[in-house]
């Protein structure tokens, strides 16, 4: 049966299904995702593996470390969770245990130095290993994998039971450490399942596994294990011995002991939401130093990062983090005609997979919503290749269509599909929401205004920046970082030559947000939005924006820098406090003020 959107919009069952499908498009991170295998399987059902990112991550991360770079909404979290799920599903073949660490869920004390950070993160690490081991054991038992788990121990049932008992005692030690440490550092993480509940489940599943192979060796109970935790914890608290277990070297030794006990060859840690530490002084630096002490066979770390939202500090990309997966480079509409086709096909599949998952009985696809591909392309352009932004605007279009069809229709022929006007309003709403994130930051707004001024002057949405240390420093400032983080400024193409042969430096091409500047390019016609590689080649390579002057001006107005009254050089009074206090210019030797 063939359906039309105008008919289905009055079908309450269909409306509920599509509401769910489209609301799911814009989901960021849900606690349930990292504790529910079923939810991750649903995620995988709608995933589109552009560039083989999932298969590459699974292959690379079981033998080496790396980082995933991408703006919010490009799928870093979902990629980590799907990879963890696949690796743990194949644990009997790969012999690697994957652990997902969302650092947004770690709560650090206000007064925090490297030592305190190490203690807090060690407890979080112990806690997550224990919890996720419990999830793994639940899945093993649930899948009746007795024969498979026995293969890890060469079908030796007695060795299996002894190893599980030993592993439980090690995890019980983790729990005692957490219990002791939590007296000092409360609310270290917030999840749906408590550490105690997860440990109880781990013991229960372990007893079932041991009982299925040998009742004689399965002499252990949940109550016994909790009594042991209390005893160890009480002893630790008396003389503060738990602190020794929070030492990074001891954490490594404890984890090595655990994986040897379970006959595994390694553990892969997926460290997500790295950018959430950006606003906590020194936090990224502390965590990088922590990882640096542990990273190495048999432990591999993958870090999920938002560009220009901090760094990995002492961790070397290429040496410590051998691989890089860049999610921002795979859906750039204007990069080439081939890239344009990839973008459009990706978002067609993006809609189709969700319609199939949530409303498969209707046998529909994206054409139910859009009678012209050009309408869909408007949303693809406005999304700048970002899945979450696309989903947010699509949901807005669907909501506008529902409202239009269910209210009194205007005179004339009613729309049967999502209209251009609905798309336009959804794009403008998206841009307005993005701008609301920065409107109270005067420095960021000044930079945004200067970029708009420059693009209006050049009649182009895209511009170039020289790839030199001075401009790289400016792009790493808070002002650029905020624009990039809120997806108002997008990196498009890097390391290309300038149009002017006298400019020897390589260029990076950036673009203002399509939705954030919608009125400027689509209504007021202040500039043209670039959608082809030819325009970048012929024109944009001439438009070289210098961010130094505006950033210096913003810093001076905010009191972070001063211009030397003698030579006009800019001095950062925070980084160069000593020379500022002495009223001495390191460039000319004269007085600063």
Foldseek 3Di string as FASTA:
>chain_A
DDDFQLVCLPVVLSVVLVLVLLVVLQDQDDLVLQQDLVVLVLVVLLDDCFPVLLVVCLVDQQPAAAEEEDFRQLQLVSSLSNSQSVCLVCCLPSLEHEFEAEQVFFDADLDDDLLSLLLLVLLVVLLRVLLVLLSSLVVCVVVVVLVSLCVLVVVPLLLLLVLLVVLLLLSLLSVLLNVLCCVPVPSRGDHPDDSLRSSQSSLVSSLVSSCVRDPVSSPDHSVNSVVVSVVSNVVCNVPVVSSVCSPLVNSLVSVVVNSVSSSGFAYEYEYEPLLVCLPPPCSLVSVLVSCVVRQDPRYYYYYYYYPLSDDSPPQDDCPRRNDYHYSLAQQAQAQAVVSVVVLLVSVQSSQASSCCVSPVVNVDGCCSAPVDSVLVVLLSQLCSSRSSSSSQLVSQLVVVVSVQSVDDHDPDDDDSHRDSVSSLVSLLVLLVVLVVVCVVPVLLVLLVVVLVVLCLVLQEQKAKEFPDPLVVVVCSDPNVSSCSNSPQKGWHDWFDAAPDPVDPTGITMMGGRCSNCVCCCPPVNSHHYRRHVVCCVPRRSHHYDDCNVSNLVSCVVVVQWAQAPPPRDIGRCVVPVVCLVVQADPPPRHGRD
